[in-house]
Amino acid sequence: MIAVPDAREIAALHFEVEQFLYHEAELLDEGRFEEWLRLLAPELHYWMPAQSNRYKRERERSVGGPDELPYFEETWDHMRQRVARLRTGTAWAEEPPSRTRRLVTNLRVSPQPEGCVRARTNLLLYRTRNENRVQTFVASREDRLRHDGAGWLISARKIVLDATTIPAHNLSVFF
Protein backbone atom coordinates (compact mmCIF):
# COMPACT_ATOMS: atom_id res chain seq x y z
CA MET A 1 0.00 0.00 0.00
CA ILE A 2 1.24 3.49 -0.86
CA ALA A 3 1.51 5.91 2.05
CA VAL A 4 -0.52 9.06 1.46
CA PRO A 5 1.61 12.17 2.03
CA ASP A 6 0.25 14.93 4.26
CA ALA A 7 -0.47 18.47 3.06
CA ARG A 8 2.98 19.78 4.04
CA GLU A 9 4.71 17.01 2.10
CA ILE A 10 2.52 17.67 -0.94
CA ALA A 11 3.24 21.42 -0.73
CA ALA A 12 6.99 20.79 -0.45
CA LEU A 13 6.86 18.36 -3.38
CA HIS A 14 4.86 20.85 -5.44
CA PHE A 15 7.42 23.59 -4.78
CA GLU A 16 10.35 21.29 -5.60
CA VAL A 17 8.80 20.13 -8.89
CA GLU A 18 7.78 23.69 -9.77
CA GLN A 19 11.35 24.93 -9.31
CA PHE A 20 12.66 22.02 -11.38
CA LEU A 21 10.29 22.85 -14.27
CA TYR A 22 11.14 26.57 -14.08
CA HIS A 23 14.83 25.66 -14.21
CA GLU A 24 14.21 23.44 -17.23
CA ALA A 25 12.39 26.30 -19.02
CA GLU A 26 15.27 28.66 -18.25
CA LEU A 27 17.85 26.23 -19.69
CA LEU A 28 15.84 25.86 -22.89
CA ASP A 29 15.17 29.59 -23.28
CA GLU A 30 18.87 30.33 -22.82
CA GLY A 31 19.92 27.66 -25.31
CA ARG A 32 21.78 25.64 -22.67
CA PHE A 33 20.77 22.37 -24.31
CA GLU A 34 23.64 20.21 -23.04
CA GLU A 35 22.68 21.11 -19.47
CA TRP A 36 19.04 20.41 -20.33
CA LEU A 37 19.94 16.92 -21.58
CA ARG A 38 21.15 16.12 -18.07
CA LEU A 39 17.55 16.60 -16.84
CA LEU A 40 16.33 13.80 -19.11
CA ALA A 41 16.31 10.17 -17.97
CA PRO A 42 17.96 7.54 -20.19
CA GLU A 43 14.57 5.80 -20.62
CA LEU A 44 12.95 9.04 -21.86
CA HIS A 45 9.75 8.86 -23.92
CA TYR A 46 9.13 12.34 -25.41
CA TRP A 47 5.88 12.35 -27.33
CA MET A 48 3.56 14.80 -29.08
CA PRO A 49 0.43 13.05 -30.36
CA ALA A 50 -1.55 14.77 -33.08
CA GLN A 51 -4.81 16.47 -32.14
CA SER A 52 -7.87 16.45 -34.40
CA ASN A 53 -11.26 18.10 -34.35
CA ARG A 54 -14.00 15.71 -33.28
CA TYR A 55 -17.68 15.95 -32.56
CA LYS A 56 -18.57 16.28 -28.89
CA ARG A 57 -19.59 12.62 -28.70
CA GLU A 58 -16.06 11.62 -29.86
CA ARG A 59 -14.11 14.19 -27.86
CA GLU A 60 -12.07 11.54 -26.00
CA ARG A 61 -10.65 10.51 -29.40
CA SER A 62 -9.41 14.02 -30.33
CA VAL A 63 -5.87 13.29 -29.11
CA GLY A 64 -4.09 10.54 -31.01
CA GLY A 65 -3.29 7.34 -29.19
CA PRO A 66 -0.14 5.23 -29.17
CA ASP A 67 -1.21 3.42 -32.36
CA GLU A 68 -1.64 6.67 -34.35
CA LEU A 69 0.98 8.80 -36.09
CA PRO A 70 2.28 11.51 -33.69
CA TYR A 71 3.98 14.79 -34.58
CA PHE A 72 7.05 13.28 -32.93
CA GLU A 73 7.98 10.44 -30.61
CA GLU A 74 11.57 10.50 -29.39
CA THR A 75 14.01 8.91 -26.98
CA TRP A 76 16.95 10.29 -25.03
CA ASP A 77 19.28 9.35 -27.87
CA HIS A 78 17.11 11.26 -30.36
CA MET A 79 17.31 14.32 -28.11
CA ARG A 80 21.10 14.03 -27.86
CA GLN A 81 21.31 13.85 -31.65
CA ARG A 82 19.05 16.89 -32.06
CA VAL A 83 21.16 18.92 -29.62
CA ALA A 84 24.38 17.86 -31.38
CA ARG A 85 22.91 18.88 -34.74
CA LEU A 86 21.92 22.30 -33.39
CA ARG A 87 25.59 22.88 -32.52
CA THR A 88 26.81 22.13 -36.08
CA GLY A 89 25.48 25.39 -37.52
CA THR A 90 23.89 23.43 -40.36
CA ALA A 91 20.46 22.88 -38.80
CA TRP A 92 18.71 25.26 -41.21
CA ALA A 93 15.51 25.28 -39.14
CA GLU A 94 17.45 26.90 -36.28
CA GLU A 95 19.99 29.03 -38.12
CA PRO A 96 19.84 31.71 -36.90
CA PRO A 97 18.57 30.25 -33.62
CA SER A 98 15.03 30.89 -32.43
CA ARG A 99 14.47 33.11 -29.43
CA THR A 100 12.01 31.49 -27.07
CA ARG A 101 10.17 32.16 -23.86
CA ARG A 102 8.37 29.38 -22.02
CA LEU A 103 5.67 30.09 -19.48
CA VAL A 104 4.92 26.98 -17.43
CA THR A 105 1.71 27.27 -15.41
CA ASN A 106 -1.08 25.45 -13.57
CA LEU A 107 1.13 22.75 -12.09
CA ARG A 108 -0.67 19.76 -10.62
CA VAL A 109 1.52 17.19 -8.88
CA SER A 110 0.59 13.66 -7.88
CA PRO A 111 2.91 11.15 -6.25
CA GLN A 112 3.16 7.85 -8.12
CA PRO A 113 4.51 4.41 -7.23
CA GLU A 114 8.27 3.85 -7.03
CA GLY A 115 8.98 7.42 -5.89
CA CYS A 116 7.90 8.96 -9.19
CA VAL A 117 5.74 12.02 -9.65
CA ARG A 118 3.17 12.90 -12.30
CA ALA A 119 3.36 16.61 -13.10
CA ARG A 120 0.71 18.15 -15.32
CA THR A 121 1.25 21.70 -16.58
CA ASN A 122 0.11 24.17 -19.18
CA LEU A 123 2.72 25.62 -21.49
CA LEU A 124 2.83 28.82 -23.48
CA LEU A 125 5.84 28.77 -25.79
CA TYR A 126 6.60 32.02 -27.61
CA ARG A 127 9.10 31.68 -30.44
CA THR A 128 10.52 34.30 -32.74
CA ARG A 129 13.04 34.00 -35.58
CA ASN A 130 14.58 36.53 -37.89
CA GLU A 131 12.75 39.85 -37.98
CA ASN A 132 9.13 38.83 -38.43
CA ARG A 133 8.52 35.15 -37.76
CA VAL A 134 6.55 34.75 -34.55
CA GLN A 135 4.82 31.61 -33.36
CA THR A 136 2.90 30.90 -30.20
CA PHE A 137 2.31 27.33 -29.06
CA VAL A 138 -0.23 26.59 -26.35
CA ALA A 139 -0.13 23.08 -24.94
CA SER A 140 -0.74 20.83 -22.00
CA ARG A 141 2.10 18.65 -20.77
CA GLU A 142 2.09 15.55 -18.67
CA ASP A 143 5.46 14.54 -17.26
CA ARG A 144 6.59 11.51 -15.35
CA LEU A 145 9.47 12.57 -13.11
CA ARG A 146 11.70 10.32 -11.10
CA HIS A 147 14.35 11.20 -8.55
CA ASP A 148 17.79 9.68 -9.11
CA GLY A 149 19.20 10.70 -5.70
CA ALA A 150 20.80 13.86 -7.09
CA GLY A 151 17.68 15.47 -8.53
CA TRP A 152 14.63 15.07 -10.69
CA LEU A 153 14.76 13.56 -14.17
CA ILE A 154 12.08 13.62 -16.84
CA SER A 155 11.41 10.02 -17.81
CA ALA A 156 8.34 10.73 -19.96
CA ARG A 157 6.71 13.81 -21.45
CA LYS A 158 3.47 13.97 -23.39
CA ILE A 159 2.76 17.31 -25.08
CA VAL A 160 -0.69 18.04 -26.50
CA LEU A 161 -0.97 21.21 -28.57
CA ASP A 162 -4.30 23.01 -28.37
CA ALA A 163 -4.10 23.70 -32.12
CA THR A 164 -5.07 20.99 -34.56
CA THR A 165 -2.64 22.36 -37.14
CA ILE A 166 0.92 23.39 -36.36
CA PRO A 167 1.24 27.19 -36.29
CA ALA A 168 4.90 27.11 -37.44
CA HIS A 169 7.23 26.20 -40.28
CA ASN A 170 8.83 23.44 -38.19
CA LEU A 171 8.93 21.83 -34.74
CA SER A 172 12.63 22.27 -34.10
CA VAL A 173 12.18 23.70 -30.60
CA PHE A 174 11.86 21.60 -27.47
CA PHE A 175 8.62 21.67 -25.52
C-alpha atoms as a PDB file:
ATOM      1  CA  MET A   1       0.000   0.000   0.000  1.00  0.00           C
ATOM      2  CA  ILE A   2       1.243   3.490  -0.864  1.00  0.00           C
ATOM      3  CA  ALA A   3       1.514   5.911   2.049  1.00  0.00           C
ATOM      4  CA  VAL A   4      -0.517   9.057   1.455  1.00  0.00           C
ATOM      5  CA  PRO A   5       1.608  12.171   2.033  1.00  0.00           C
ATOM      6  CA  ASP A   6       0.253  14.927   4.259  1.00  0.00           C
ATOM      7  CA  ALA A   7      -0.475  18.466   3.057  1.00  0.00           C
ATOM      8  CA  ARG A   8       2.980  19.781   4.039  1.00  0.00           C
ATOM      9  CA  GLU A   9       4.708  17.011   2.101  1.00  0.00           C
ATOM     10  CA  ILE A  10       2.521  17.668  -0.942  1.00  0.00           C
ATOM     11  CA  ALA A  11       3.242  21.424  -0.725  1.00  0.00           C
ATOM     12  CA  ALA A  12       6.990  20.787  -0.447  1.00  0.00           C
ATOM     13  CA  LEU A  13       6.860  18.361  -3.377  1.00  0.00           C
ATOM     14  CA  HIS A  14       4.857  20.847  -5.439  1.00  0.00           C
ATOM     15  CA  PHE A  15       7.421  23.589  -4.782  1.00  0.00           C
ATOM     16  CA  GLU A  16      10.347  21.288  -5.601  1.00  0.00           C
ATOM     17  CA  VAL A  17       8.795  20.128  -8.891  1.00  0.00           C
ATOM     18  CA  GLU A  18       7.776  23.693  -9.769  1.00  0.00           C
ATOM     19  CA  GLN A  19      11.352  24.934  -9.313  1.00  0.00           C
ATOM     20  CA  PHE A  20      12.656  22.015 -11.382  1.00  0.00           C
ATOM     21  CA  LEU A  21      10.290  22.850 -14.269  1.00  0.00           C
ATOM     22  CA  TYR A  22      11.142  26.567 -14.081  1.00  0.00           C
ATOM     23  CA  HIS A  23      14.835  25.664 -14.212  1.00  0.00           C
ATOM     24  CA  GLU A  24      14.212  23.445 -17.231  1.00  0.00           C
ATOM     25  CA  ALA A  25      12.388  26.296 -19.023  1.00  0.00           C
ATOM     26  CA  GLU A  26      15.269  28.660 -18.253  1.00  0.00           C
ATOM     27  CA  LEU A  27      17.848  26.235 -19.687  1.00  0.00           C
ATOM     28  CA  LEU A  28      15.840  25.856 -22.893  1.00  0.00           C
ATOM     29  CA  ASP A  29      15.171  29.586 -23.283  1.00  0.00           C
ATOM     30  CA  GLU A  30      18.870  30.331 -22.816  1.00  0.00           C
ATOM     31  CA  GLY A  31      19.922  27.661 -25.314  1.00  0.00           C
ATOM     32  CA  ARG A  32      21.783  25.644 -22.670  1.00  0.00           C
ATOM     33  CA  PHE A  33      20.775  22.370 -24.314  1.00  0.00           C
ATOM     34  CA  GLU A  34      23.643  20.213 -23.044  1.00  0.00           C
ATOM     35  CA  GLU A  35      22.677  21.108 -19.468  1.00  0.00           C
ATOM     36  CA  TRP A  36      19.035  20.412 -20.330  1.00  0.00           C
ATOM     37  CA  LEU A  37      19.938  16.921 -21.580  1.00  0.00           C
ATOM     38  CA  ARG A  38      21.151  16.118 -18.069  1.00  0.00           C
ATOM     39  CA  LEU A  39      17.549  16.595 -16.843  1.00  0.00           C
ATOM     40  CA  LEU A  40      16.326  13.799 -19.114  1.00  0.00           C
ATOM     41  CA  ALA A  41      16.310  10.171 -17.969  1.00  0.00           C
ATOM     42  CA  PRO A  42      17.958   7.535 -20.191  1.00  0.00           C
ATOM     43  CA  GLU A  43      14.570   5.804 -20.624  1.00  0.00           C
ATOM     44  CA  LEU A  44      12.947   9.041 -21.858  1.00  0.00           C
ATOM     45  CA  HIS A  45       9.753   8.857 -23.921  1.00  0.00           C
ATOM     46  CA  TYR A  46       9.130  12.338 -25.405  1.00  0.00           C
ATOM     47  CA  TRP A  47       5.882  12.353 -27.332  1.00  0.00           C
ATOM     48  CA  MET A  48       3.560  14.803 -29.084  1.00  0.00           C
ATOM     49  CA  PRO A  49       0.431  13.048 -30.359  1.00  0.00           C
ATOM     50  CA  ALA A  50      -1.549  14.775 -33.079  1.00  0.00           C
ATOM     51  CA  GLN A  51      -4.806  16.466 -32.140  1.00  0.00           C
ATOM     52  CA  SER A  52      -7.866  16.446 -34.400  1.00  0.00           C
ATOM     53  CA  ASN A  53     -11.260  18.103 -34.352  1.00  0.00           C
ATOM     54  CA  ARG A  54     -14.001  15.710 -33.285  1.00  0.00           C
ATOM     55  CA  TYR A  55     -17.679  15.947 -32.564  1.00  0.00           C
ATOM     56  CA  LYS A  56     -18.566  16.283 -28.891  1.00  0.00           C
ATOM     57  CA  ARG A  57     -19.589  12.619 -28.697  1.00  0.00           C
ATOM     58  CA  GLU A  58     -16.060  11.624 -29.857  1.00  0.00           C
ATOM     59  CA  ARG A  59     -14.106  14.193 -27.862  1.00  0.00           C
ATOM     60  CA  GLU A  60     -12.071  11.536 -25.998  1.00  0.00           C
ATOM     61  CA  ARG A  61     -10.647  10.515 -29.398  1.00  0.00           C
ATOM     62  CA  SER A  62      -9.415  14.017 -30.333  1.00  0.00           C
ATOM     63  CA  VAL A  63      -5.873  13.288 -29.110  1.00  0.00           C
ATOM     64  CA  GLY A  64      -4.088  10.541 -31.009  1.00  0.00           C
ATOM     65  CA  GLY A  65      -3.291   7.341 -29.190  1.00  0.00           C
ATOM     66  CA  PRO A  66      -0.137   5.229 -29.174  1.00  0.00           C
ATOM     67  CA  ASP A  67      -1.208   3.423 -32.356  1.00  0.00           C
ATOM     68  CA  GLU A  68      -1.636   6.669 -34.351  1.00  0.00           C
ATOM     69  CA  LEU A  69       0.984   8.802 -36.086  1.00  0.00           C
ATOM     70  CA  PRO A  70       2.284  11.513 -33.695  1.00  0.00           C
ATOM     71  CA  TYR A  71       3.977  14.789 -34.578  1.00  0.00           C
ATOM     72  CA  PHE A  72       7.046  13.277 -32.929  1.00  0.00           C
ATOM     73  CA  GLU A  73       7.985  10.442 -30.609  1.00  0.00           C
ATOM     74  CA  GLU A  74      11.567  10.504 -29.385  1.00  0.00           C
ATOM     75  CA  THR A  75      14.007   8.911 -26.979  1.00  0.00           C
ATOM     76  CA  TRP A  76      16.954  10.294 -25.031  1.00  0.00           C
ATOM     77  CA  ASP A  77      19.280   9.351 -27.874  1.00  0.00           C
ATOM     78  CA  HIS A  78      17.113  11.263 -30.365  1.00  0.00           C
ATOM     79  CA  MET A  79      17.311  14.324 -28.113  1.00  0.00           C
ATOM     80  CA  ARG A  80      21.098  14.027 -27.863  1.00  0.00           C
ATOM     81  CA  GLN A  81      21.306  13.853 -31.650  1.00  0.00           C
ATOM     82  CA  ARG A  82      19.046  16.890 -32.056  1.00  0.00           C
ATOM     83  CA  VAL A  83      21.162  18.918 -29.622  1.00  0.00           C
ATOM     84  CA  ALA A  84      24.379  17.860 -31.384  1.00  0.00           C
ATOM     85  CA  ARG A  85      22.910  18.877 -34.738  1.00  0.00           C
ATOM     86  CA  LEU A  86      21.923  22.301 -33.385  1.00  0.00           C
ATOM     87  CA  ARG A  87      25.588  22.876 -32.524  1.00  0.00           C
ATOM     88  CA  THR A  88      26.813  22.132 -36.082  1.00  0.00           C
ATOM     89  CA  GLY A  89      25.482  25.395 -37.525  1.00  0.00           C
ATOM     90  CA  THR A  90      23.889  23.426 -40.364  1.00  0.00           C
ATOM     91  CA  ALA A  91      20.461  22.880 -38.802  1.00  0.00           C
ATOM     92  CA  TRP A  92      18.711  25.262 -41.206  1.00  0.00           C
ATOM     93  CA  ALA A  93      15.509  25.284 -39.141  1.00  0.00           C
ATOM     94  CA  GLU A  94      17.452  26.896 -36.281  1.00  0.00           C
ATOM     95  CA  GLU A  95      19.992  29.027 -38.119  1.00  0.00           C
ATOM     96  CA  PRO A  96      19.838  31.708 -36.904  1.00  0.00           C
ATOM     97  CA  PRO A  97      18.570  30.252 -33.623  1.00  0.00           C
ATOM     98  CA  SER A  98      15.028  30.891 -32.433  1.00  0.00           C
ATOM     99  CA  ARG A  99      14.472  33.105 -29.434  1.00  0.00           C
ATOM    100  CA  THR A 100      12.007  31.486 -27.069  1.00  0.00           C
ATOM    101  CA  ARG A 101      10.170  32.160 -23.856  1.00  0.00           C
ATOM    102  CA  ARG A 102       8.374  29.378 -22.022  1.00  0.00           C
ATOM    103  CA  LEU A 103       5.672  30.095 -19.476  1.00  0.00           C
ATOM    104  CA  VAL A 104       4.924  26.982 -17.425  1.00  0.00           C
ATOM    105  CA  THR A 105       1.706  27.272 -15.412  1.00  0.00           C
ATOM    106  CA  ASN A 106      -1.081  25.454 -13.570  1.00  0.00           C
ATOM    107  CA  LEU A 107       1.130  22.753 -12.086  1.00  0.00           C
ATOM    108  CA  ARG A 108      -0.672  19.761 -10.616  1.00  0.00           C
ATOM    109  CA  VAL A 109       1.525  17.194  -8.883  1.00  0.00           C
ATOM    110  CA  SER A 110       0.590  13.659  -7.875  1.00  0.00           C
ATOM    111  CA  PRO A 111       2.915  11.148  -6.249  1.00  0.00           C
ATOM    112  CA  GLN A 112       3.164   7.850  -8.121  1.00  0.00           C
ATOM    113  CA  PRO A 113       4.511   4.414  -7.233  1.00  0.00           C
ATOM    114  CA  GLU A 114       8.272   3.848  -7.032  1.00  0.00           C
ATOM    115  CA  GLY A 115       8.977   7.417  -5.886  1.00  0.00           C
ATOM    116  CA  CYS A 116       7.895   8.956  -9.187  1.00  0.00           C
ATOM    117  CA  VAL A 117       5.740  12.018  -9.655  1.00  0.00           C
ATOM    118  CA  ARG A 118       3.170  12.898 -12.295  1.00  0.00           C
ATOM    119  CA  ALA A 119       3.365  16.606 -13.101  1.00  0.00           C
ATOM    120  CA  ARG A 120       0.711  18.152 -15.319  1.00  0.00           C
ATOM    121  CA  THR A 121       1.247  21.696 -16.577  1.00  0.00           C
ATOM    122  CA  ASN A 122       0.106  24.170 -19.180  1.00  0.00           C
ATOM    123  CA  LEU A 123       2.723  25.623 -21.490  1.00  0.00           C
ATOM    124  CA  LEU A 124       2.831  28.823 -23.478  1.00  0.00           C
ATOM    125  CA  LEU A 125       5.842  28.773 -25.790  1.00  0.00           C
ATOM    126  CA  TYR A 126       6.599  32.016 -27.605  1.00  0.00           C
ATOM    127  CA  ARG A 127       9.096  31.683 -30.437  1.00  0.00           C
ATOM    128  CA  THR A 128      10.523  34.304 -32.744  1.00  0.00           C
ATOM    129  CA  ARG A 129      13.035  34.000 -35.577  1.00  0.00           C
ATOM    130  CA  ASN A 130      14.583  36.533 -37.886  1.00  0.00           C
ATOM    131  CA  GLU A 131      12.749  39.847 -37.982  1.00  0.00           C
ATOM    132  CA  ASN A 132       9.135  38.834 -38.426  1.00  0.00           C
ATOM    133  CA  ARG A 133       8.520  35.149 -37.760  1.00  0.00           C
ATOM    134  CA  VAL A 134       6.553  34.752 -34.554  1.00  0.00           C
ATOM    135  CA  GLN A 135       4.816  31.605 -33.362  1.00  0.00           C
ATOM    136  CA  THR A 136       2.904  30.898 -30.202  1.00  0.00           C
ATOM    137  CA  PHE A 137       2.306  27.335 -29.055  1.00  0.00           C
ATOM    138  CA  VAL A 138      -0.231  26.591 -26.345  1.00  0.00           C
ATOM    139  CA  ALA A 139      -0.126  23.078 -24.940  1.00  0.00           C
ATOM    140  CA  SER A 140      -0.737  20.829 -22.000  1.00  0.00           C
ATOM    141  CA  ARG A 141       2.097  18.652 -20.769  1.00  0.00           C
ATOM    142  CA  GLU A 142       2.089  15.546 -18.672  1.00  0.00           C
ATOM    143  CA  ASP A 143       5.462  14.545 -17.259  1.00  0.00           C
ATOM    144  CA  ARG A 144       6.588  11.513 -15.349  1.00  0.00           C
ATOM    145  CA  LEU A 145       9.466  12.573 -13.105  1.00  0.00           C
ATOM    146  CA  ARG A 146      11.702  10.323 -11.096  1.00  0.00           C
ATOM    147  CA  HIS A 147      14.347  11.196  -8.551  1.00  0.00           C
ATOM    148  CA  ASP A 148      17.786   9.680  -9.107  1.00  0.00           C
ATOM    149  CA  GLY A 149      19.199  10.703  -5.700  1.00  0.00           C
ATOM    150  CA  ALA A 150      20.801  13.864  -7.091  1.00  0.00           C
ATOM    151  CA  GLY A 151      17.683  15.469  -8.530  1.00  0.00           C
ATOM    152  CA  TRP A 152      14.626  15.072 -10.691  1.00  0.00           C
ATOM    153  CA  LEU A 153      14.762  13.560 -14.167  1.00  0.00           C
ATOM    154  CA  ILE A 154      12.075  13.624 -16.838  1.00  0.00           C
ATOM    155  CA  SER A 155      11.409  10.019 -17.810  1.00  0.00           C
ATOM    156  CA  ALA A 156       8.343  10.734 -19.959  1.00  0.00           C
ATOM    157  CA  ARG A 157       6.708  13.810 -21.446  1.00  0.00           C
ATOM    158  CA  LYS A 158       3.472  13.974 -23.393  1.00  0.00           C
ATOM    159  CA  ILE A 159       2.763  17.312 -25.082  1.00  0.00           C
ATOM    160  CA  VAL A 160      -0.686  18.041 -26.504  1.00  0.00           C
ATOM    161  CA  LEU A 161      -0.971  21.206 -28.566  1.00  0.00           C
ATOM    162  CA  ASP A 162      -4.298  23.009 -28.373  1.00  0.00           C
ATOM    163  CA  ALA A 163      -4.100  23.702 -32.117  1.00  0.00           C
ATOM    164  CA  THR A 164      -5.068  20.987 -34.561  1.00  0.00           C
ATOM    165  CA  THR A 165      -2.643  22.356 -37.139  1.00  0.00           C
ATOM    166  CA  ILE A 166       0.922  23.387 -36.356  1.00  0.00           C
ATOM    167  CA  PRO A 167       1.239  27.185 -36.285  1.00  0.00           C
ATOM    168  CA  ALA A 168       4.895  27.106 -37.439  1.00  0.00           C
ATOM    169  CA  HIS A 169       7.231  26.198 -40.278  1.00  0.00           C
ATOM    170  CA  ASN A 170       8.826  23.436 -38.192  1.00  0.00           C
ATOM    171  CA  LEU A 171       8.926  21.828 -34.739  1.00  0.00           C
ATOM    172  CA  SER A 172      12.631  22.274 -34.101  1.00  0.00           C
ATOM    173  CA  VAL A 173      12.178  23.703 -30.600  1.00  0.00           C
ATOM    174  CA  PHE A 174      11.858  21.602 -27.467  1.00  0.00           C
ATOM    175  CA  PHE A 175       8.616  21.666 -25.517  1.00  0.00           C
END
